[in-house]
Amino acid sequence: MLSRTAILLGCGLAFSLGQPLPDREPAAVPLSAAVSPAPIASFAGASAPTVPLSAPAVQLFDVVQGRVIRTAPNSLAFRRLGESWIASIRGAWQGFRLDPESGYILKIPFEPAVRVNSGWYRGEVRELYVMWDPLTPHDTRMMLMGPEGKPRMFHVKADAGSFVEKFKEGQRVLTMPGM
């Protein structure tokens, strides 16, 4: 039997940028927009960024089951949600544990990469991993992966738990005005 570490490593969580988690059937998730921490465009007439059709899917990994339990097509809504979570960084987290025992890990790939310029992180983010455990619901952690594949770990203020619980159950979690 594989250890959780081997499963997580094989699923692309740790240090291997661009490796997809094992595929499952996509769940229908409507588009949504969370408030972006930075302006989308800085000149008149610019269009909002789009997520390419070939962008890797958003995936929810159950640590106890050792598998992906929900997959959804990537969208601008997930990008905005990820950006809002990045904006909620409240500090660096030094206690990264590669072999968690419980909880969920939500992977949001960014294509194109998100540019971040905050007091906690400066640079591009290619993938975001939000780690949330119902046993410690107010201790949400996030790992940002840049283009070099170097992870950066943070505590976040965002209420990722309610999103993860709804997403896990297949509930409508994202809505985009005018759609």
N, C-alpha and C. Protein backbone atom coordinates (compact mmCIF):
# COMPACT_ATOMS: atom_id res chain seq x y z
N MET A 1 0.85 -1.19 0.00
CA MET A 1 0.00 0.00 0.00
C MET A 1 0.89 1.24 0.00
N LEU A 2 0.51 2.23 -0.79
CA LEU A 2 1.27 3.47 -0.87
C LEU A 2 1.00 4.34 0.34
N SER A 3 2.02 5.03 0.80
CA SER A 3 1.84 5.98 1.89
C SER A 3 1.15 7.23 1.34
N ARG A 4 0.60 8.04 2.25
CA ARG A 4 -0.02 9.30 1.81
C ARG A 4 1.01 10.19 1.13
N THR A 5 2.25 10.14 1.61
CA THR A 5 3.30 10.95 0.98
C THR A 5 3.49 10.54 -0.47
N ALA A 6 3.54 9.24 -0.73
CA ALA A 6 3.71 8.78 -2.11
C ALA A 6 2.52 9.17 -2.95
N ILE A 7 1.32 9.08 -2.38
CA ILE A 7 0.12 9.48 -3.12
C ILE A 7 0.17 10.96 -3.42
N LEU A 8 0.48 11.79 -2.41
CA LEU A 8 0.54 13.22 -2.63
C LEU A 8 1.60 13.58 -3.64
N LEU A 9 2.78 12.96 -3.53
CA LEU A 9 3.83 13.22 -4.51
C LEU A 9 3.39 12.80 -5.90
N GLY A 10 2.75 11.66 -6.02
CA GLY A 10 2.28 11.17 -7.31
C GLY A 10 1.16 12.01 -7.87
N CYS A 11 0.44 12.71 -7.01
CA CYS A 11 -0.66 13.54 -7.46
C CYS A 11 -0.23 14.95 -7.83
N GLY A 12 1.03 15.24 -7.73
CA GLY A 12 1.49 16.55 -8.15
C GLY A 12 1.47 17.59 -7.07
N LEU A 13 1.14 17.22 -5.84
CA LEU A 13 1.08 18.21 -4.78
C LEU A 13 2.46 18.74 -4.45
N ALA A 14 3.41 17.86 -4.30
CA ALA A 14 4.70 18.30 -3.79
C ALA A 14 5.75 18.38 -4.87
N PHE A 15 6.17 19.58 -5.14
CA PHE A 15 7.37 19.87 -5.89
C PHE A 15 7.41 19.41 -7.34
N SER A 16 6.32 19.00 -7.95
CA SER A 16 6.40 18.68 -9.36
C SER A 16 5.35 19.49 -10.11
N LEU A 17 5.74 20.66 -10.47
CA LEU A 17 4.88 21.62 -11.14
C LEU A 17 4.29 21.02 -12.40
N GLY A 18 3.01 21.20 -12.57
CA GLY A 18 2.35 20.81 -13.80
C GLY A 18 1.88 19.38 -13.84
N GLN A 19 2.16 18.57 -12.84
CA GLN A 19 1.69 17.19 -12.84
C GLN A 19 0.23 17.19 -12.42
N PRO A 20 -0.66 16.64 -13.25
CA PRO A 20 -2.07 16.63 -12.87
C PRO A 20 -2.34 15.59 -11.80
N LEU A 21 -3.39 15.85 -11.02
CA LEU A 21 -3.87 14.84 -10.10
C LEU A 21 -4.59 13.78 -10.94
N PRO A 22 -4.78 12.57 -10.43
CA PRO A 22 -5.47 11.54 -11.20
C PRO A 22 -6.83 12.03 -11.65
N ASP A 23 -7.21 11.70 -12.88
CA ASP A 23 -8.46 12.18 -13.45
C ASP A 23 -9.66 11.47 -12.86
N ARG A 24 -10.71 12.24 -12.72
CA ARG A 24 -12.04 11.72 -12.39
C ARG A 24 -13.00 12.47 -13.27
N GLU A 25 -14.25 12.02 -13.31
CA GLU A 25 -15.23 12.71 -14.12
C GLU A 25 -15.46 14.12 -13.62
N PRO A 26 -15.48 15.11 -14.52
CA PRO A 26 -15.71 16.49 -14.07
C PRO A 26 -17.09 16.66 -13.45
N ALA A 27 -17.14 17.44 -12.40
CA ALA A 27 -18.42 17.80 -11.79
C ALA A 27 -18.87 19.11 -12.41
N ALA A 28 -20.16 19.25 -12.61
CA ALA A 28 -20.68 20.49 -13.17
C ALA A 28 -20.58 21.59 -12.13
N VAL A 29 -19.82 22.62 -12.42
CA VAL A 29 -19.67 23.74 -11.52
C VAL A 29 -19.89 25.01 -12.33
N PRO A 30 -20.88 25.82 -11.97
CA PRO A 30 -21.11 27.06 -12.71
C PRO A 30 -19.97 28.05 -12.50
N LEU A 31 -19.84 28.99 -13.44
CA LEU A 31 -18.82 30.03 -13.33
C LEU A 31 -19.11 30.95 -12.17
N SER A 32 -18.05 31.57 -11.63
CA SER A 32 -18.22 32.49 -10.52
C SER A 32 -17.14 33.54 -10.54
N ALA A 33 -17.35 34.57 -9.78
CA ALA A 33 -16.31 35.58 -9.64
C ALA A 33 -16.21 35.99 -8.19
N ALA A 34 -15.08 35.71 -7.60
CA ALA A 34 -14.78 36.26 -6.29
C ALA A 34 -14.05 37.57 -6.56
N VAL A 35 -14.01 38.45 -5.61
CA VAL A 35 -13.37 39.74 -5.81
C VAL A 35 -11.88 39.55 -6.02
N SER A 36 -11.37 40.10 -7.09
CA SER A 36 -9.94 40.00 -7.40
C SER A 36 -9.18 41.02 -6.56
N PRO A 37 -8.00 40.63 -6.04
CA PRO A 37 -7.23 41.54 -5.21
C PRO A 37 -6.56 42.65 -6.02
N ALA A 38 -6.47 42.51 -7.31
CA ALA A 38 -5.81 43.50 -8.16
C ALA A 38 -6.68 43.76 -9.37
N PRO A 39 -6.54 44.94 -10.00
CA PRO A 39 -7.32 45.21 -11.19
C PRO A 39 -6.98 44.23 -12.30
N ILE A 40 -7.99 43.88 -13.08
CA ILE A 40 -7.79 42.95 -14.19
C ILE A 40 -7.00 43.62 -15.30
N ALA A 41 -7.33 44.84 -15.62
CA ALA A 41 -6.64 45.53 -16.70
C ALA A 41 -6.43 46.98 -16.31
N SER A 42 -5.38 47.58 -16.84
CA SER A 42 -5.08 48.94 -16.42
C SER A 42 -5.29 49.96 -17.53
N PHE A 43 -5.89 49.55 -18.64
CA PHE A 43 -6.14 50.52 -19.69
C PHE A 43 -7.54 50.31 -20.26
N ALA A 44 -8.11 51.40 -20.78
CA ALA A 44 -9.47 51.37 -21.28
C ALA A 44 -9.59 50.40 -22.45
N GLY A 45 -10.71 49.70 -22.49
CA GLY A 45 -10.97 48.79 -23.59
C GLY A 45 -10.32 47.43 -23.45
N ALA A 46 -9.58 47.21 -22.38
CA ALA A 46 -8.93 45.90 -22.21
C ALA A 46 -9.98 44.87 -21.80
N SER A 47 -9.79 43.66 -22.25
CA SER A 47 -10.72 42.61 -21.87
C SER A 47 -10.16 41.85 -20.68
N ALA A 48 -11.05 41.21 -19.94
CA ALA A 48 -10.65 40.43 -18.77
C ALA A 48 -9.86 39.21 -19.22
N PRO A 49 -8.94 38.74 -18.38
CA PRO A 49 -8.20 37.55 -18.75
C PRO A 49 -9.14 36.36 -18.86
N THR A 50 -8.78 35.43 -19.70
CA THR A 50 -9.58 34.23 -19.86
C THR A 50 -8.76 33.03 -19.45
N VAL A 51 -9.43 31.94 -19.20
CA VAL A 51 -8.76 30.69 -18.88
C VAL A 51 -8.84 29.84 -20.13
N PRO A 52 -7.70 29.42 -20.69
CA PRO A 52 -7.73 28.61 -21.91
C PRO A 52 -8.52 27.32 -21.71
N LEU A 53 -9.15 26.85 -22.80
CA LEU A 53 -9.89 25.59 -22.72
C LEU A 53 -8.99 24.43 -22.32
N SER A 54 -7.71 24.55 -22.61
CA SER A 54 -6.78 23.47 -22.29
C SER A 54 -6.24 23.56 -20.86
N ALA A 55 -6.70 24.53 -20.08
CA ALA A 55 -6.21 24.70 -18.70
C ALA A 55 -6.52 23.44 -17.88
N PRO A 56 -5.56 23.01 -17.05
CA PRO A 56 -5.79 21.84 -16.20
C PRO A 56 -6.99 22.06 -15.28
N ALA A 57 -7.66 20.98 -14.95
CA ALA A 57 -8.86 21.02 -14.12
C ALA A 57 -8.55 21.37 -12.67
N VAL A 58 -9.57 21.87 -11.98
CA VAL A 58 -9.52 22.10 -10.54
C VAL A 58 -9.85 20.76 -9.89
N GLN A 59 -9.11 20.39 -8.84
CA GLN A 59 -9.30 19.08 -8.24
C GLN A 59 -9.31 19.16 -6.72
N LEU A 60 -10.16 18.34 -6.11
CA LEU A 60 -10.24 18.23 -4.65
C LEU A 60 -9.78 16.84 -4.25
N PHE A 61 -8.74 16.80 -3.41
CA PHE A 61 -8.12 15.56 -2.96
C PHE A 61 -8.51 15.32 -1.51
N ASP A 62 -9.03 14.12 -1.21
CA ASP A 62 -9.35 13.73 0.16
C ASP A 62 -8.14 12.98 0.70
N VAL A 63 -7.51 13.52 1.73
CA VAL A 63 -6.28 12.94 2.27
C VAL A 63 -6.54 11.55 2.86
N VAL A 64 -7.64 11.36 3.57
CA VAL A 64 -7.92 10.08 4.20
C VAL A 64 -8.17 9.00 3.14
N GLN A 65 -8.95 9.33 2.11
CA GLN A 65 -9.23 8.36 1.05
C GLN A 65 -8.03 8.16 0.13
N GLY A 66 -7.14 9.16 0.09
CA GLY A 66 -5.97 9.07 -0.76
C GLY A 66 -6.28 9.17 -2.24
N ARG A 67 -7.32 9.97 -2.58
CA ARG A 67 -7.69 10.09 -3.98
C ARG A 67 -8.43 11.41 -4.24
N VAL A 68 -8.50 11.74 -5.51
CA VAL A 68 -9.27 12.90 -5.95
C VAL A 68 -10.74 12.53 -5.87
N ILE A 69 -11.53 13.36 -5.20
CA ILE A 69 -12.95 13.06 -5.04
C ILE A 69 -13.85 13.97 -5.87
N ARG A 70 -13.31 15.07 -6.38
CA ARG A 70 -14.11 15.98 -7.21
C ARG A 70 -13.19 16.69 -8.18
N THR A 71 -13.64 16.81 -9.40
CA THR A 71 -12.90 17.51 -10.44
C THR A 71 -13.88 18.43 -11.15
N ALA A 72 -13.42 19.61 -11.51
CA ALA A 72 -14.26 20.56 -12.24
C ALA A 72 -13.42 21.26 -13.29
N PRO A 73 -14.03 21.60 -14.42
CA PRO A 73 -13.29 22.36 -15.43
C PRO A 73 -12.82 23.69 -14.84
N ASN A 74 -11.62 24.08 -15.20
CA ASN A 74 -11.08 25.35 -14.73
C ASN A 74 -11.85 26.49 -15.38
N SER A 75 -11.89 27.62 -14.71
CA SER A 75 -12.65 28.76 -15.22
C SER A 75 -12.11 30.05 -14.62
N LEU A 76 -12.56 31.16 -15.17
CA LEU A 76 -12.23 32.46 -14.61
C LEU A 76 -12.73 32.58 -13.18
N ALA A 77 -13.84 31.92 -12.88
CA ALA A 77 -14.39 31.96 -11.52
C ALA A 77 -13.41 31.34 -10.52
N PHE A 78 -12.83 30.21 -10.86
CA PHE A 78 -11.84 29.60 -9.96
C PHE A 78 -10.60 30.47 -9.86
N ARG A 79 -10.21 31.09 -10.96
CA ARG A 79 -9.05 31.99 -10.93
C ARG A 79 -9.30 33.13 -9.94
N ARG A 80 -10.46 33.75 -10.02
CA ARG A 80 -10.81 34.85 -9.12
C ARG A 80 -10.87 34.39 -7.67
N LEU A 81 -11.42 33.19 -7.45
CA LEU A 81 -11.47 32.64 -6.11
C LEU A 81 -10.05 32.47 -5.56
N GLY A 82 -9.17 31.88 -6.36
CA GLY A 82 -7.77 31.71 -5.95
C GLY A 82 -7.09 33.03 -5.67
N GLU A 83 -7.35 34.03 -6.52
CA GLU A 83 -6.76 35.36 -6.30
C GLU A 83 -7.25 35.96 -4.98
N SER A 84 -8.52 35.75 -4.66
CA SER A 84 -9.04 36.29 -3.39
C SER A 84 -8.39 35.59 -2.20
N TRP A 85 -8.12 34.30 -2.33
CA TRP A 85 -7.45 33.59 -1.25
C TRP A 85 -6.01 34.06 -1.11
N ILE A 86 -5.34 34.32 -2.23
CA ILE A 86 -3.97 34.87 -2.16
C ILE A 86 -3.99 36.22 -1.46
N ALA A 87 -5.01 37.02 -1.74
CA ALA A 87 -5.12 38.34 -1.12
C ALA A 87 -5.37 38.23 0.39
N SER A 88 -5.81 37.07 0.86
CA SER A 88 -6.11 36.91 2.29
C SER A 88 -4.94 36.33 3.08
N ILE A 89 -3.76 36.26 2.49
CA ILE A 89 -2.59 35.74 3.21
C ILE A 89 -2.38 36.56 4.48
N ARG A 90 -2.22 35.87 5.61
CA ARG A 90 -2.00 36.57 6.88
C ARG A 90 -0.63 36.27 7.47
N GLY A 91 0.15 35.43 6.82
CA GLY A 91 1.49 35.15 7.32
C GLY A 91 2.09 33.90 6.70
N ALA A 92 3.40 33.79 6.85
CA ALA A 92 4.10 32.60 6.35
C ALA A 92 3.85 31.44 7.30
N TRP A 93 3.87 30.25 6.76
CA TRP A 93 3.68 29.05 7.56
C TRP A 93 4.93 28.20 7.44
N GLN A 94 5.60 27.99 8.55
CA GLN A 94 6.85 27.24 8.56
C GLN A 94 6.63 25.76 8.84
N GLY A 95 5.42 25.36 9.23
CA GLY A 95 5.18 23.99 9.67
C GLY A 95 4.66 23.06 8.60
N PHE A 96 5.10 23.23 7.36
CA PHE A 96 4.60 22.39 6.28
C PHE A 96 4.83 20.91 6.56
N ARG A 97 3.79 20.14 6.47
CA ARG A 97 3.89 18.69 6.66
C ARG A 97 3.49 18.02 5.37
N LEU A 98 4.42 17.27 4.79
CA LEU A 98 4.19 16.63 3.51
C LEU A 98 3.22 15.46 3.62
N ASP A 99 3.07 14.90 4.80
CA ASP A 99 2.26 13.71 4.99
C ASP A 99 1.09 14.00 5.92
N PRO A 100 0.12 14.84 5.48
CA PRO A 100 -1.02 15.14 6.36
C PRO A 100 -1.83 13.87 6.62
N GLU A 101 -2.52 13.85 7.75
CA GLU A 101 -3.28 12.66 8.13
C GLU A 101 -4.76 12.77 7.81
N SER A 102 -5.25 13.99 7.62
CA SER A 102 -6.68 14.17 7.34
C SER A 102 -6.88 15.49 6.62
N GLY A 103 -8.11 15.71 6.19
CA GLY A 103 -8.47 16.96 5.54
C GLY A 103 -8.53 16.85 4.03
N TYR A 104 -8.52 18.03 3.39
CA TYR A 104 -8.70 18.13 1.95
C TYR A 104 -7.65 19.07 1.37
N ILE A 105 -7.32 18.84 0.11
CA ILE A 105 -6.40 19.71 -0.60
C ILE A 105 -7.07 20.07 -1.92
N LEU A 106 -7.29 21.36 -2.12
CA LEU A 106 -7.90 21.86 -3.34
C LEU A 106 -6.81 22.44 -4.22
N LYS A 107 -6.70 21.94 -5.44
CA LYS A 107 -5.69 22.40 -6.39
C LYS A 107 -6.37 23.27 -7.45
N ILE A 108 -5.86 24.53 -7.58
CA ILE A 108 -6.34 25.42 -8.63
C ILE A 108 -5.14 25.81 -9.50
N PRO A 109 -5.05 25.27 -10.72
CA PRO A 109 -3.97 25.67 -11.63
C PRO A 109 -4.31 27.02 -12.26
N PHE A 110 -3.30 27.84 -12.45
CA PHE A 110 -3.49 29.15 -13.10
C PHE A 110 -2.81 29.13 -14.47
N GLU A 111 -3.61 29.36 -15.50
CA GLU A 111 -3.07 29.46 -16.85
C GLU A 111 -3.80 30.60 -17.54
N PRO A 112 -3.14 31.72 -17.77
CA PRO A 112 -1.74 32.02 -17.50
C PRO A 112 -1.50 32.23 -16.00
N ALA A 113 -0.25 32.27 -15.63
CA ALA A 113 0.13 32.44 -14.22
C ALA A 113 -0.41 33.76 -13.67
N VAL A 114 -0.69 33.77 -12.39
CA VAL A 114 -1.13 34.98 -11.68
C VAL A 114 0.11 35.70 -11.18
N ARG A 115 0.18 37.01 -11.41
CA ARG A 115 1.29 37.82 -10.87
C ARG A 115 0.86 38.37 -9.51
N VAL A 116 1.70 38.12 -8.52
CA VAL A 116 1.40 38.54 -7.15
C VAL A 116 2.48 39.51 -6.70
N ASN A 117 2.06 40.61 -6.07
CA ASN A 117 2.99 41.57 -5.53
C ASN A 117 2.42 42.04 -4.19
N SER A 118 2.71 41.26 -3.15
CA SER A 118 2.20 41.59 -1.82
C SER A 118 3.36 41.60 -0.83
N GLY A 119 3.04 41.93 0.38
CA GLY A 119 4.07 41.92 1.42
C GLY A 119 4.57 40.52 1.74
N TRP A 120 3.82 39.49 1.36
CA TRP A 120 4.19 38.12 1.68
C TRP A 120 4.80 37.36 0.52
N TYR A 121 4.47 37.75 -0.70
CA TYR A 121 4.97 37.02 -1.87
C TYR A 121 5.01 37.94 -3.08
N ARG A 122 6.09 37.83 -3.83
CA ARG A 122 6.22 38.58 -5.08
C ARG A 122 6.66 37.60 -6.16
N GLY A 123 5.91 37.57 -7.25
CA GLY A 123 6.26 36.70 -8.36
C GLY A 123 5.03 36.06 -8.98
N GLU A 124 5.28 35.10 -9.85
CA GLU A 124 4.21 34.39 -10.53
C GLU A 124 3.76 33.18 -9.71
N VAL A 125 2.49 32.86 -9.84
CA VAL A 125 1.93 31.66 -9.23
C VAL A 125 1.32 30.82 -10.34
N ARG A 126 1.79 29.60 -10.47
CA ARG A 126 1.27 28.67 -11.49
C ARG A 126 0.18 27.76 -10.93
N GLU A 127 0.31 27.42 -9.65
CA GLU A 127 -0.67 26.54 -9.01
C GLU A 127 -0.86 26.98 -7.56
N LEU A 128 -2.08 26.82 -7.08
CA LEU A 128 -2.42 27.12 -5.70
C LEU A 128 -3.00 25.85 -5.10
N TYR A 129 -2.57 25.52 -3.90
CA TYR A 129 -3.11 24.39 -3.16
C TYR A 129 -3.61 24.92 -1.83
N VAL A 130 -4.91 24.75 -1.57
CA VAL A 130 -5.49 25.15 -0.29
C VAL A 130 -5.69 23.88 0.52
N MET A 131 -5.15 23.89 1.74
CA MET A 131 -5.24 22.74 2.63
C MET A 131 -6.15 23.09 3.79
N TRP A 132 -7.24 22.34 3.89
CA TRP A 132 -8.22 22.60 4.93
C TRP A 132 -8.61 21.28 5.59
N ASP A 133 -8.68 21.30 6.90
CA ASP A 133 -9.03 20.11 7.66
C ASP A 133 -10.19 20.45 8.59
N PRO A 134 -11.31 19.71 8.51
CA PRO A 134 -12.44 20.01 9.39
C PRO A 134 -12.10 19.82 10.87
N LEU A 135 -11.02 19.09 11.18
CA LEU A 135 -10.60 18.92 12.57
C LEU A 135 -9.98 20.21 13.13
N THR A 136 -9.47 21.07 12.25
CA THR A 136 -8.90 22.37 12.63
C THR A 136 -9.43 23.41 11.64
N PRO A 137 -10.75 23.70 11.70
CA PRO A 137 -11.40 24.49 10.66
C PRO A 137 -10.91 25.93 10.50
N HIS A 138 -10.29 26.50 11.53
CA HIS A 138 -9.85 27.90 11.42
C HIS A 138 -8.36 28.00 11.14
N ASP A 139 -7.78 26.92 10.65
CA ASP A 139 -6.35 26.88 10.35
C ASP A 139 -6.15 26.49 8.88
N THR A 140 -6.55 27.38 7.99
CA THR A 140 -6.44 27.11 6.55
C THR A 140 -5.05 27.50 6.07
N ARG A 141 -4.46 26.61 5.30
CA ARG A 141 -3.12 26.85 4.77
C ARG A 141 -3.15 26.81 3.26
N MET A 142 -2.17 27.47 2.67
CA MET A 142 -2.11 27.55 1.22
C MET A 142 -0.67 27.41 0.77
N MET A 143 -0.48 26.66 -0.30
CA MET A 143 0.84 26.54 -0.90
C MET A 143 0.75 27.13 -2.30
N LEU A 144 1.66 28.05 -2.59
CA LEU A 144 1.77 28.65 -3.91
C LEU A 144 2.97 28.04 -4.62
N MET A 145 2.79 27.65 -5.88
CA MET A 145 3.88 27.11 -6.67
C MET A 145 4.17 28.09 -7.81
N GLY A 146 5.41 28.54 -7.86
CA GLY A 146 5.84 29.44 -8.92
C GLY A 146 6.37 28.67 -10.12
N PRO A 147 6.88 29.39 -11.10
CA PRO A 147 7.36 28.73 -12.32
C PRO A 147 8.55 27.81 -12.10
N GLU A 148 9.32 28.04 -11.07
CA GLU A 148 10.47 27.18 -10.79
C GLU A 148 10.07 25.94 -10.01
N GLY A 149 8.82 25.83 -9.61
CA GLY A 149 8.36 24.69 -8.82
C GLY A 149 8.70 24.79 -7.36
N LYS A 150 9.10 25.97 -6.91
CA LYS A 150 9.47 26.16 -5.50
C LYS A 150 8.23 26.52 -4.70
N PRO A 151 7.90 25.72 -3.67
CA PRO A 151 6.68 26.00 -2.91
C PRO A 151 6.88 27.11 -1.89
N ARG A 152 5.80 27.86 -1.65
CA ARG A 152 5.75 28.87 -0.60
C ARG A 152 4.49 28.59 0.20
N MET A 153 4.63 28.52 1.52
CA MET A 153 3.51 28.15 2.39
C MET A 153 3.02 29.35 3.20
N PHE A 154 1.68 29.45 3.34
CA PHE A 154 1.07 30.58 4.04
C PHE A 154 -0.14 30.15 4.84
N HIS A 155 -0.45 30.93 5.88
CA HIS A 155 -1.75 30.89 6.56
C HIS A 155 -2.63 31.87 5.80
N VAL A 156 -3.92 31.56 5.67
CA VAL A 156 -4.83 32.49 5.02
C VAL A 156 -6.05 32.74 5.89
N LYS A 157 -6.65 33.92 5.72
CA LYS A 157 -7.85 34.29 6.45
C LYS A 157 -9.10 33.73 5.78
N ALA A 158 -9.02 33.43 4.50
CA ALA A 158 -10.19 33.04 3.71
C ALA A 158 -10.92 31.85 4.34
N ASP A 159 -12.24 31.85 4.18
CA ASP A 159 -13.05 30.75 4.67
C ASP A 159 -13.11 29.67 3.60
N ALA A 160 -12.02 28.95 3.45
CA ALA A 160 -11.96 27.90 2.43
C ALA A 160 -12.81 26.70 2.83
N GLY A 161 -13.02 26.51 4.12
CA GLY A 161 -13.77 25.36 4.59
C GLY A 161 -15.18 25.27 4.04
N SER A 162 -15.92 26.36 4.07
CA SER A 162 -17.29 26.31 3.55
C SER A 162 -17.29 26.02 2.05
N PHE A 163 -16.30 26.59 1.34
CA PHE A 163 -16.20 26.30 -0.10
C PHE A 163 -15.89 24.82 -0.32
N VAL A 164 -14.90 24.29 0.40
CA VAL A 164 -14.49 22.89 0.23
C VAL A 164 -15.67 21.96 0.53
N GLU A 165 -16.38 22.21 1.61
CA GLU A 165 -17.52 21.34 1.97
C GLU A 165 -18.59 21.35 0.88
N LYS A 166 -18.93 22.52 0.36
CA LYS A 166 -19.94 22.61 -0.69
C LYS A 166 -19.44 21.97 -1.99
N PHE A 167 -18.20 22.25 -2.35
CA PHE A 167 -17.61 21.68 -3.57
C PHE A 167 -17.56 20.16 -3.47
N LYS A 168 -17.18 19.66 -2.31
CA LYS A 168 -17.10 18.21 -2.06
C LYS A 168 -18.45 17.54 -2.29
N GLU A 169 -19.51 18.19 -1.86
CA GLU A 169 -20.86 17.63 -1.99
C GLU A 169 -21.48 17.89 -3.36
N GLY A 170 -20.77 18.60 -4.23
CA GLY A 170 -21.28 18.86 -5.57
C GLY A 170 -22.29 19.99 -5.64
N GLN A 171 -22.36 20.80 -4.58
CA GLN A 171 -23.29 21.92 -4.56
C GLN A 171 -22.78 23.04 -5.45
N ARG A 172 -23.70 23.89 -5.87
CA ARG A 172 -23.32 25.08 -6.65
C ARG A 172 -22.53 25.98 -5.72
N VAL A 173 -21.28 26.21 -6.06
CA VAL A 173 -20.42 26.98 -5.16
C VAL A 173 -20.00 28.31 -5.75
N LEU A 174 -20.11 28.45 -7.04
CA LEU A 174 -19.65 29.67 -7.69
C LEU A 174 -20.74 30.20 -8.60
N THR A 175 -20.96 31.51 -8.52
CA THR A 175 -21.91 32.15 -9.43
C THR A 175 -21.26 33.42 -9.95
N MET A 176 -21.50 33.70 -11.20
CA MET A 176 -20.93 34.90 -11.82
C MET A 176 -22.07 35.79 -12.27
N PRO A 177 -22.10 37.05 -11.79
CA PRO A 177 -23.19 37.95 -12.19
C PRO A 177 -23.29 38.06 -13.71
N GLY A 178 -24.52 38.07 -14.19
CA GLY A 178 -24.76 38.24 -15.62
C GLY A 178 -24.59 36.97 -16.42
N MET A 179 -24.45 35.83 -15.75
CA MET A 179 -24.28 34.57 -16.49
C MET A 179 -25.41 33.64 -16.19
